[in-house]
Amino acid sequence: MNLPIIWAPSARDEYAVLLEYVERNFGLDAALELLDTTEKLLEGIAAFPGMFPASDKRKDIRKAVVSKQASLFYRISQDQIQILHVWDNRQDPDKLEFLL
């Protein structure tokens, strides 16, 4: 049984910014490819929530690498998966520690 995926508002915003960046700098096809890759990844997470490793700092949060540009961080609860952040991998990793 697939768990529903719930996006935190901040994660939605981060994802929108990332898609806009990819489209602006790499073109519409690249943005659509990222969108498709993300959708497939989320389908996998919904079916197999534990498929990605726990974060080094927070064992209750998992990290899924979407592409070389982005990773997403999520938490599994009994009845849903919460997408907490979409991380631009070019950012300072110390900033990520503050978010998680």
PDB file of N, CA and C in Angstrom:
ATOM      1  N   MET A   1       0.833  -1.187   0.000  1.00  0.00           N
ATOM      2  CA  MET A   1       0.000   0.000   0.000  1.00  0.00           C
ATOM      3  C   MET A   1       0.880   1.254   0.000  1.00  0.00           C
ATOM      4  N   ASN A   2       0.636   2.145  -0.916  1.00  0.00           N
ATOM      5  CA  ASN A   2       1.403   3.382  -1.008  1.00  0.00           C
ATOM      6  C   ASN A   2       0.929   4.396   0.026  1.00  0.00           C
ATOM      7  N   LEU A   3       1.882   5.024   0.678  1.00  0.00           N
ATOM      8  CA  LEU A   3       1.554   6.089   1.616  1.00  0.00           C
ATOM      9  C   LEU A   3       1.375   7.397   0.858  1.00  0.00           C
ATOM     10  N   PRO A   4       0.437   8.235   1.288  1.00  0.00           N
ATOM     11  CA  PRO A   4       0.291   9.543   0.639  1.00  0.00           C
ATOM     12  C   PRO A   4       1.496  10.429   0.950  1.00  0.00           C
ATOM     13  N   ILE A   5       1.808  11.284  -0.002  1.00  0.00           N
ATOM     14  CA  ILE A   5       2.921  12.215   0.152  1.00  0.00           C
ATOM     15  C   ILE A   5       2.363  13.610   0.391  1.00  0.00           C
ATOM     16  N   ILE A   6       2.809  14.218   1.485  1.00  0.00           N
ATOM     17  CA  ILE A   6       2.381  15.560   1.879  1.00  0.00           C
ATOM     18  C   ILE A   6       3.601  16.478   1.811  1.00  0.00           C
ATOM     19  N   TRP A   7       3.458  17.563   1.071  1.00  0.00           N
ATOM     20  CA  TRP A   7       4.551  18.529   0.939  1.00  0.00           C
ATOM     21  C   TRP A   7       4.407  19.628   1.989  1.00  0.00           C
ATOM     22  N   ALA A   8       5.498  19.923   2.691  1.00  0.00           N
ATOM     23  CA  ALA A   8       5.533  21.116   3.539  1.00  0.00           C
ATOM     24  C   ALA A   8       5.499  22.327   2.612  1.00  0.00           C
ATOM     25  N   PRO A   9       4.829  23.398   3.016  1.00  0.00           N
ATOM     26  CA  PRO A   9       4.787  24.592   2.155  1.00  0.00           C
ATOM     27  C   PRO A   9       6.178  25.083   1.747  1.00  0.00           C
ATOM     28  N   SER A  10       7.123  25.038   2.668  1.00  0.00           N
ATOM     29  CA  SER A  10       8.482  25.488   2.335  1.00  0.00           C
ATOM     30  C   SER A  10       9.124  24.581   1.287  1.00  0.00           C
ATOM     31  N   ALA A  11       8.853  23.280   1.349  1.00  0.00           N
ATOM     32  CA  ALA A  11       9.398  22.348   0.357  1.00  0.00           C
ATOM     33  C   ALA A  11       8.811  22.627  -1.022  1.00  0.00           C
ATOM     34  N   ARG A  12       7.518  22.923  -1.080  1.00  0.00           N
ATOM     35  CA  ARG A  12       6.881  23.291  -2.364  1.00  0.00           C
ATOM     36  C   ARG A  12       7.548  24.528  -2.956  1.00  0.00           C
ATOM     37  N   ASP A  13       7.776  25.518  -2.105  1.00  0.00           N
ATOM     38  CA  ASP A  13       8.419  26.752  -2.562  1.00  0.00           C
ATOM     39  C   ASP A  13       9.838  26.482  -3.059  1.00  0.00           C
ATOM     40  N   GLU A  14      10.594  25.689  -2.315  1.00  0.00           N
ATOM     41  CA  GLU A  14      11.967  25.360  -2.704  1.00  0.00           C
ATOM     42  C   GLU A  14      11.993  24.620  -4.038  1.00  0.00           C
ATOM     43  N   TYR A  15      11.044  23.723  -4.229  1.00  0.00           N
ATOM     44  CA  TYR A  15      10.965  22.959  -5.477  1.00  0.00           C
ATOM     45  C   TYR A  15      10.621  23.879  -6.650  1.00  0.00           C
ATOM     46  N   ALA A  16       9.703  24.796  -6.444  1.00  0.00           N
ATOM     47  CA  ALA A  16       9.333  25.743  -7.506  1.00  0.00           C
ATOM     48  C   ALA A  16      10.528  26.610  -7.898  1.00  0.00           C
ATOM     49  N   VAL A  17      11.277  27.075  -6.915  1.00  0.00           N
ATOM     50  CA  VAL A  17      12.469  27.889  -7.190  1.00  0.00           C
ATOM     51  C   VAL A  17      13.495  27.074  -7.978  1.00  0.00           C
ATOM     52  N   LEU A  18      13.685  25.820  -7.587  1.00  0.00           N
ATOM     53  CA  LEU A  18      14.635  24.960  -8.290  1.00  0.00           C
ATOM     54  C   LEU A  18      14.211  24.732  -9.739  1.00  0.00           C
ATOM     55  N   LEU A  19      12.930  24.432  -9.956  1.00  0.00           N
ATOM     56  CA  LEU A  19      12.449  24.228 -11.327  1.00  0.00           C
ATOM     57  C   LEU A  19      12.629  25.486 -12.174  1.00  0.00           C
ATOM     58  N   GLU A  20      12.344  26.636 -11.596  1.00  0.00           N
ATOM     59  CA  GLU A  20      12.536  27.900 -12.322  1.00  0.00           C
ATOM     60  C   GLU A  20      14.003  28.111 -12.676  1.00  0.00           C
ATOM     61  N   TYR A  21      14.888  27.803 -11.736  1.00  0.00           N
ATOM     62  CA  TYR A  21      16.320  27.946 -11.986  1.00  0.00           C
ATOM     63  C   TYR A  21      16.767  27.030 -13.131  1.00  0.00           C
ATOM     64  N   VAL A  22      16.357  25.777 -13.071  1.00  0.00           N
ATOM     65  CA  VAL A  22      16.750  24.816 -14.108  1.00  0.00           C
ATOM     66  C   VAL A  22      16.208  25.254 -15.463  1.00  0.00           C
ATOM     67  N   GLU A  23      14.962  25.679 -15.508  1.00  0.00           N
ATOM     68  CA  GLU A  23      14.395  26.131 -16.785  1.00  0.00           C
ATOM     69  C   GLU A  23      15.148  27.354 -17.324  1.00  0.00           C
ATOM     70  N   ARG A  24      15.422  28.298 -16.467  1.00  0.00           N
ATOM     71  CA  ARG A  24      16.087  29.531 -16.890  1.00  0.00           C
ATOM     72  C   ARG A  24      17.518  29.271 -17.385  1.00  0.00           C
ATOM     73  N   ASN A  25      18.219  28.350 -16.718  1.00  0.00           N
ATOM     74  CA  ASN A  25      19.628  28.138 -17.032  1.00  0.00           C
ATOM     75  C   ASN A  25      19.911  26.963 -17.962  1.00  0.00           C
ATOM     76  N   PHE A  26      18.982  26.002 -18.025  1.00  0.00           N
ATOM     77  CA  PHE A  26      19.230  24.803 -18.819  1.00  0.00           C
ATOM     78  C   PHE A  26      18.124  24.504 -19.824  1.00  0.00           C
ATOM     79  N   GLY A  27      17.027  25.253 -19.756  1.00  0.00           N
ATOM     80  CA  GLY A  27      15.954  25.101 -20.725  1.00  0.00           C
ATOM     81  C   GLY A  27      14.764  24.315 -20.202  1.00  0.00           C
ATOM     82  N   LEU A  28      13.682  24.429 -20.955  1.00  0.00           N
ATOM     83  CA  LEU A  28      12.424  23.783 -20.579  1.00  0.00           C
ATOM     84  C   LEU A  28      12.557  22.269 -20.531  1.00  0.00           C
ATOM     85  N   ASP A  29      13.272  21.680 -21.488  1.00  0.00           N
ATOM     86  CA  ASP A  29      13.420  20.222 -21.501  1.00  0.00           C
ATOM     87  C   ASP A  29      14.089  19.717 -20.227  1.00  0.00           C
ATOM     88  N   ALA A  30      15.098  20.423 -19.756  1.00  0.00           N
ATOM     89  CA  ALA A  30      15.782  20.025 -18.523  1.00  0.00           C
ATOM     90  C   ALA A  30      14.850  20.137 -17.320  1.00  0.00           C
ATOM     91  N   ALA A  31      14.043  21.189 -17.279  1.00  0.00           N
ATOM     92  CA  ALA A  31      13.090  21.356 -16.177  1.00  0.00           C
ATOM     93  C   ALA A  31      12.041  20.248 -16.205  1.00  0.00           C
ATOM     94  N   LEU A  32      11.559  19.906 -17.396  1.00  0.00           N
ATOM     95  CA  LEU A  32      10.574  18.827 -17.515  1.00  0.00           C
ATOM     96  C   LEU A  32      11.184  17.483 -17.132  1.00  0.00           C
ATOM     97  N   GLU A  33      12.444  17.286 -17.471  1.00  0.00           N
ATOM     98  CA  GLU A  33      13.128  16.050 -17.082  1.00  0.00           C
ATOM     99  C   GLU A  33      13.259  15.957 -15.563  1.00  0.00           C
ATOM    100  N   LEU A  34      13.597  17.078 -14.926  1.00  0.00           N
ATOM    101  CA  LEU A  34      13.682  17.104 -13.464  1.00  0.00           C
ATOM    102  C   LEU A  34      12.315  16.824 -12.839  1.00  0.00           C
ATOM    103  N   LEU A  35      11.279  17.404 -13.400  1.00  0.00           N
ATOM    104  CA  LEU A  35       9.917  17.172 -12.920  1.00  0.00           C
ATOM    105  C   LEU A  35       9.556  15.693 -13.023  1.00  0.00           C
ATOM    106  N   ASP A  36       9.852  15.076 -14.169  1.00  0.00           N
ATOM    107  CA  ASP A  36       9.553  13.661 -14.386  1.00  0.00           C
ATOM    108  C   ASP A  36      10.363  12.777 -13.437  1.00  0.00           C
ATOM    109  N   THR A  37      11.634  13.086 -13.281  1.00  0.00           N
ATOM    110  CA  THR A  37      12.490  12.318 -12.374  1.00  0.00           C
ATOM    111  C   THR A  37      11.970  12.401 -10.943  1.00  0.00           C
ATOM    112  N   THR A  38      11.558  13.586 -10.534  1.00  0.00           N
ATOM    113  CA  THR A  38      11.032  13.778  -9.180  1.00  0.00           C
ATOM    114  C   THR A  38       9.747  12.981  -8.981  1.00  0.00           C
ATOM    115  N   GLU A  39       8.855  13.014  -9.961  1.00  0.00           N
ATOM    116  CA  GLU A  39       7.599  12.265  -9.847  1.00  0.00           C
ATOM    117  C   GLU A  39       7.860  10.769  -9.718  1.00  0.00           C
ATOM    118  N   LYS A  40       8.785  10.240 -10.509  1.00  0.00           N
ATOM    119  CA  LYS A  40       9.116   8.809 -10.423  1.00  0.00           C
ATOM    120  C   LYS A  40       9.739   8.473  -9.075  1.00  0.00           C
ATOM    121  N   LEU A  41      10.608   9.338  -8.598  1.00  0.00           N
ATOM    122  CA  LEU A  41      11.230   9.124  -7.304  1.00  0.00           C
ATOM    123  C   LEU A  41      10.177   9.109  -6.194  1.00  0.00           C
ATOM    124  N   LEU A  42       9.232  10.040  -6.249  1.00  0.00           N
ATOM    125  CA  LEU A  42       8.173  10.096  -5.234  1.00  0.00           C
ATOM    126  C   LEU A  42       7.275   8.868  -5.283  1.00  0.00           C
ATOM    127  N   GLU A  43       7.019   8.345  -6.477  1.00  0.00           N
ATOM    128  CA  GLU A  43       6.250   7.099  -6.589  1.00  0.00           C
ATOM    129  C   GLU A  43       6.985   5.965  -5.881  1.00  0.00           C
ATOM    130  N   GLY A  44       8.302   5.907  -6.067  1.00  0.00           N
ATOM    131  CA  GLY A  44       9.100   4.889  -5.391  1.00  0.00           C
ATOM    132  C   GLY A  44       9.076   5.050  -3.885  1.00  0.00           C
ATOM    133  N   ILE A  45       9.209   6.279  -3.418  1.00  0.00           N
ATOM    134  CA  ILE A  45       9.176   6.537  -1.977  1.00  0.00           C
ATOM    135  C   ILE A  45       7.814   6.177  -1.393  1.00  0.00           C
ATOM    136  N   ALA A  46       6.739   6.500  -2.101  1.00  0.00           N
ATOM    137  CA  ALA A  46       5.395   6.173  -1.613  1.00  0.00           C
ATOM    138  C   ALA A  46       5.229   4.668  -1.450  1.00  0.00           C
ATOM    139  N   ALA A  47       5.807   3.900  -2.370  1.00  0.00           N
ATOM    140  CA  ALA A  47       5.686   2.442  -2.319  1.00  0.00           C
ATOM    141  C   ALA A  47       6.677   1.818  -1.338  1.00  0.00           C
ATOM    142  N   PHE A  48       7.877   2.373  -1.264  1.00  0.00           N
ATOM    143  CA  PHE A  48       8.946   1.829  -0.421  1.00  0.00           C
ATOM    144  C   PHE A  48       9.606   2.972   0.362  1.00  0.00           C
ATOM    145  N   PRO A  49       8.964   3.442   1.411  1.00  0.00           N
ATOM    146  CA  PRO A  49       9.437   4.638   2.117  1.00  0.00           C
ATOM    147  C   PRO A  49      10.872   4.562   2.634  1.00  0.00           C
ATOM    148  N   GLY A  50      11.327   3.387   2.984  1.00  0.00           N
ATOM    149  CA  GLY A  50      12.671   3.252   3.540  1.00  0.00           C
ATOM    150  C   GLY A  50      13.758   3.052   2.508  1.00  0.00           C
ATOM    151  N   MET A  51      13.458   3.304   1.239  1.00  0.00           N
ATOM    152  CA  MET A  51      14.417   2.996   0.173  1.00  0.00           C
ATOM    153  C   MET A  51      15.640   3.910   0.162  1.00  0.00           C
ATOM    154  N   PHE A  52      15.575   5.062   0.805  1.00  0.00           N
ATOM    155  CA  PHE A  52      16.711   5.974   0.847  1.00  0.00           C
ATOM    156  C   PHE A  52      17.264   6.040   2.261  1.00  0.00           C
ATOM    157  N   PRO A  53      18.559   6.344   2.385  1.00  0.00           N
ATOM    158  CA  PRO A  53      19.193   6.318   3.707  1.00  0.00           C
ATOM    159  C   PRO A  53      18.762   7.474   4.604  1.00  0.00           C
ATOM    160  N   ALA A  54      18.908   7.221   5.890  1.00  0.00           N
ATOM    161  CA  ALA A  54      18.647   8.273   6.874  1.00  0.00           C
ATOM    162  C   ALA A  54      19.734   9.332   6.766  1.00  0.00           C
ATOM    163  N   SER A  55      19.367  10.542   7.101  1.00  0.00           N
ATOM    164  CA  SER A  55      20.313  11.659   7.121  1.00  0.00           C
ATOM    165  C   SER A  55      21.403  11.385   8.152  1.00  0.00           C
ATOM    166  N   ASP A  56      22.599  11.909   7.900  1.00  0.00           N
ATOM    167  CA  ASP A  56      23.700  11.724   8.849  1.00  0.00           C
ATOM    168  C   ASP A  56      23.401  12.366  10.197  1.00  0.00           C
ATOM    169  N   LYS A  57      22.734  13.501  10.174  1.00  0.00           N
ATOM    170  CA  LYS A  57      22.494  14.271  11.400  1.00  0.00           C
ATOM    171  C   LYS A  57      21.202  13.898  12.114  1.00  0.00           C
ATOM    172  N   ARG A  58      20.173  13.544  11.341  1.00  0.00           N
ATOM    173  CA  ARG A  58      18.853  13.242  11.921  1.00  0.00           C
ATOM    174  C   ARG A  58      18.381  11.902  11.376  1.00  0.00           C
ATOM    175  N   LYS A  59      18.358  10.894  12.196  1.00  0.00           N
ATOM    176  CA  LYS A  59      18.010   9.543  11.754  1.00  0.00           C
ATOM    177  C   LYS A  59      16.538   9.392  11.392  1.00  0.00           C
ATOM    178  N   ASP A  60      15.690  10.331  11.813  1.00  0.00           N
ATOM    179  CA  ASP A  60      14.266  10.257  11.475  1.00  0.00           C
ATOM    180  C   ASP A  60      13.962  10.904  10.120  1.00  0.00           C
ATOM    181  N   ILE A  61      14.981  11.486   9.494  1.00  0.00           N
ATOM    182  CA  ILE A  61      14.807  12.148   8.201  1.00  0.00           C
ATOM    183  C   ILE A  61      15.662  11.433   7.164  1.00  0.00           C
ATOM    184  N   ARG A  62      15.066  11.181   6.011  1.00  0.00           N
ATOM    185  CA  ARG A  62      15.767  10.485   4.930  1.00  0.00           C
ATOM    186  C   ARG A  62      16.100  11.441   3.802  1.00  0.00           C
ATOM    187  N   LYS A  63      17.179  11.110   3.102  1.00  0.00           N
ATOM    188  CA  LYS A  63      17.652  11.948   2.000  1.00  0.00           C
ATOM    189  C   LYS A  63      17.586  11.157   0.700  1.00  0.00           C
ATOM    190  N   ALA A  64      16.910  11.731  -0.292  1.00  0.00           N
ATOM    191  CA  ALA A  64      16.830  11.137  -1.625  1.00  0.00           C
ATOM    192  C   ALA A  64      17.476  12.096  -2.614  1.00  0.00           C
ATOM    193  N   VAL A  65      18.481  11.627  -3.333  1.00  0.00           N
ATOM    194  CA  VAL A  65      19.115  12.449  -4.356  1.00  0.00           C
ATOM    195  C   VAL A  65      18.259  12.357  -5.612  1.00  0.00           C
ATOM    196  N   VAL A  66      17.728  13.498  -6.028  1.00  0.00           N
ATOM    197  CA  VAL A  66      16.857  13.565  -7.205  1.00  0.00           C
ATOM    198  C   VAL A  66      17.709  13.670  -8.465  1.00  0.00           C
ATOM    199  N   SER A  67      18.708  14.525  -8.413  1.00  0.00           N
ATOM    200  CA  SER A  67      19.604  14.764  -9.543  1.00  0.00           C
ATOM    201  C   SER A  67      20.875  15.386  -8.992  1.00  0.00           C
ATOM    202  N   LYS A  68      21.816  15.697  -9.887  1.00  0.00           N
ATOM    203  CA  LYS A  68      23.024  16.355  -9.384  1.00  0.00           C
ATOM    204  C   LYS A  68      22.709  17.736  -8.819  1.00  0.00           C
ATOM    205  N   GLN A  69      21.576  18.308  -9.221  1.00  0.00           N
ATOM    206  CA  GLN A  69      21.193  19.627  -8.724  1.00  0.00           C
ATOM    207  C   GLN A  69      20.437  19.586  -7.401  1.00  0.00           C
ATOM    208  N   ALA A  70      19.754  18.479  -7.109  1.00  0.00           N
ATOM    209  CA  ALA A  70      18.805  18.530  -5.993  1.00  0.00           C
ATOM    210  C   ALA A  70      18.696  17.221  -5.220  1.00  0.00           C
ATOM    211  N   SER A  71      18.394  17.394  -3.946  1.00  0.00           N
ATOM    212  CA  SER A  71      18.034  16.282  -3.066  1.00  0.00           C
ATOM    213  C   SER A  71      16.765  16.680  -2.346  1.00  0.00           C
ATOM    214  N   LEU A  72      16.018  15.682  -1.901  1.00  0.00           N
ATOM    215  CA  LEU A  72      14.872  16.018  -1.057  1.00  0.00           C
ATOM    216  C   LEU A  72      14.957  15.249   0.235  1.00  0.00           C
ATOM    217  N   PHE A  73      14.457  15.886   1.266  1.00  0.00           N
ATOM    218  CA  PHE A  73      14.486  15.327   2.607  1.00  0.00           C
ATOM    219  C   PHE A  73      13.054  15.067   3.044  1.00  0.00           C
ATOM    220  N   TYR A  74      12.840  13.868   3.591  1.00  0.00           N
ATOM    221  CA  TYR A  74      11.483  13.489   3.965  1.00  0.00           C
ATOM    222  C   TYR A  74      11.472  12.704   5.266  1.00  0.00           C
ATOM    223  N   ARG A  75      10.304  12.692   5.879  1.00  0.00           N
ATOM    224  CA  ARG A  75      10.072  11.965   7.120  1.00  0.00           C
ATOM    225  C   ARG A  75       8.928  10.987   6.890  1.00  0.00           C
ATOM    226  N   ILE A  76       9.082   9.800   7.436  1.00  0.00           N
ATOM    227  CA  ILE A  76       8.048   8.770   7.331  1.00  0.00           C
ATOM    228  C   ILE A  76       7.273   8.736   8.639  1.00  0.00           C
ATOM    229  N   SER A  77       5.950   8.816   8.536  1.00  0.00           N
ATOM    230  CA  SER A  77       5.111   8.587   9.714  1.00  0.00           C
ATOM    231  C   SER A  77       4.268   7.350   9.419  1.00  0.00           C
ATOM    232  N   GLN A  78       3.420   6.964  10.332  1.00  0.00           N
ATOM    233  CA  GLN A  78       2.638   5.743  10.141  1.00  0.00           C
ATOM    234  C   GLN A  78       1.695   5.824   8.952  1.00  0.00           C
ATOM    235  N   ASP A  79       1.178   7.011   8.663  1.00  0.00           N
ATOM    236  CA  ASP A  79       0.144   7.103   7.634  1.00  0.00           C
ATOM    237  C   ASP A  79       0.473   8.039   6.478  1.00  0.00           C
ATOM    238  N   GLN A  80       1.700   8.603   6.454  1.00  0.00           N
ATOM    239  CA  GLN A  80       2.049   9.509   5.361  1.00  0.00           C
ATOM    240  C   GLN A  80       3.558   9.707   5.279  1.00  0.00           C
ATOM    241  N   ILE A  81       3.972  10.303   4.179  1.00  0.00           N
ATOM    242  CA  ILE A  81       5.354  10.720   3.992  1.00  0.00           C
ATOM    243  C   ILE A  81       5.336  12.231   3.870  1.00  0.00           C
ATOM    244  N   GLN A  82       6.154  12.882   4.653  1.00  0.00           N
ATOM    245  CA  GLN A  82       6.204  14.347   4.655  1.00  0.00           C
ATOM    246  C   GLN A  82       7.473  14.805   3.942  1.00  0.00           C
ATOM    247  N   ILE A  83       7.312  15.538   2.839  1.00  0.00           N
ATOM    248  CA  ILE A  83       8.454  16.138   2.155  1.00  0.00           C
ATOM    249  C   ILE A  83       8.772  17.424   2.910  1.00  0.00           C
ATOM    250  N   LEU A  84       9.949  17.469   3.512  1.00  0.00           N
ATOM    251  CA  LEU A  84      10.320  18.581   4.385  1.00  0.00           C
ATOM    252  C   LEU A  84      11.068  19.687   3.649  1.00  0.00           C
ATOM    253  N   HIS A  85      12.012  19.283   2.794  1.00  0.00           N
ATOM    254  CA  HIS A  85      12.826  20.264   2.077  1.00  0.00           C
ATOM    255  C   HIS A  85      13.264  19.707   0.738  1.00  0.00           C
ATOM    256  N   VAL A  86      13.379  20.598  -0.236  1.00  0.00           N
ATOM    257  CA  VAL A  86      14.042  20.300  -1.498  1.00  0.00           C
ATOM    258  C   VAL A  86      15.310  21.131  -1.473  1.00  0.00           C
ATOM    259  N   TRP A  87      16.431  20.450  -1.531  1.00  0.00           N
ATOM    260  CA  TRP A  87      17.723  21.090  -1.323  1.00  0.00           C
ATOM    261  C   TRP A  87      18.477  21.231  -2.635  1.00  0.00           C
ATOM    262  N   ASP A  88      18.918  22.424  -2.930  1.00  0.00           N
ATOM    263  CA  ASP A  88      19.793  22.679  -4.070  1.00  0.00           C
ATOM    264  C   ASP A  88      21.198  22.255  -3.633  1.00  0.00           C
ATOM    265  N   ASN A  89      21.738  21.225  -4.261  1.00  0.00           N
ATOM    266  CA  ASN A  89      22.999  20.637  -3.817  1.00  0.00           C
ATOM    267  C   ASN A  89      24.203  21.571  -3.930  1.00  0.00           C
ATOM    268  N   ARG A  90      24.040  22.704  -4.585  1.00  0.00           N
ATOM    269  CA  ARG A  90      25.135  23.671  -4.701  1.00  0.00           C
ATOM    270  C   ARG A  90      25.249  24.554  -3.464  1.00  0.00           C
ATOM    271  N   GLN A  91      24.280  24.488  -2.579  1.00  0.00           N
ATOM    272  CA  GLN A  91      24.277  25.358  -1.401  1.00  0.00           C
ATOM    273  C   GLN A  91      25.268  24.880  -0.344  1.00  0.00           C
ATOM    274  N   ASP A  92      25.558  25.767   0.577  1.00  0.00           N
ATOM    275  CA  ASP A  92      26.436  25.474   1.702  1.00  0.00           C
ATOM    276  C   ASP A  92      25.770  24.423   2.597  1.00  0.00           C
ATOM    277  N   PRO A  93      26.419  23.267   2.811  1.00  0.00           N
ATOM    278  CA  PRO A  93      25.806  22.216   3.639  1.00  0.00           C
ATOM    279  C   PRO A  93      25.539  22.638   5.080  1.00  0.00           C
ATOM    280  N   ASP A  94      26.275  23.628   5.577  1.00  0.00           N
ATOM    281  CA  ASP A  94      26.022  24.103   6.944  1.00  0.00           C
ATOM    282  C   ASP A  94      24.627  24.712   7.065  1.00  0.00           C
ATOM    283  N   LYS A  95      24.150  25.309   5.994  1.00  0.00           N
ATOM    284  CA  LYS A  95      22.797  25.871   5.987  1.00  0.00           C
ATOM    285  C   LYS A  95      21.751  24.766   6.139  1.00  0.00           C
ATOM    286  N   LEU A  96      22.035  23.609   5.576  1.00  0.00           N
ATOM    287  CA  LEU A  96      21.114  22.479   5.665  1.00  0.00           C
ATOM    288  C   LEU A  96      20.950  22.019   7.108  1.00  0.00           C
ATOM    289  N   GLU A  97      22.034  21.999   7.860  1.00  0.00           N
ATOM    290  CA  GLU A  97      21.953  21.594   9.264  1.00  0.00           C
ATOM    291  C   GLU A  97      20.978  22.477  10.031  1.00  0.00           C
ATOM    292  N   PHE A  98      20.942  23.751   9.696  1.00  0.00           N
ATOM    293  CA  PHE A  98      20.023  24.680  10.347  1.00  0.00           C
ATOM    294  C   PHE A  98      18.569  24.338  10.004  1.00  0.00           C
ATOM    295  N   LEU A  99      18.319  23.924   8.760  1.00  0.00           N
ATOM    296  CA  LEU A  99      16.954  23.619   8.330  1.00  0.00           C
ATOM    297  C   LEU A  99      16.428  22.326   8.932  1.00  0.00           C
ATOM    298  N   LEU A 100      17.317  21.359   9.117  1.00  0.00           N
ATOM    299  CA  LEU A 100      16.876  20.071   9.633  1.00  0.00           C
ATOM    300  C   LEU A 100      16.987  20.064  11.139  1.00  0.00           C
TER     301      LEU A 100
END
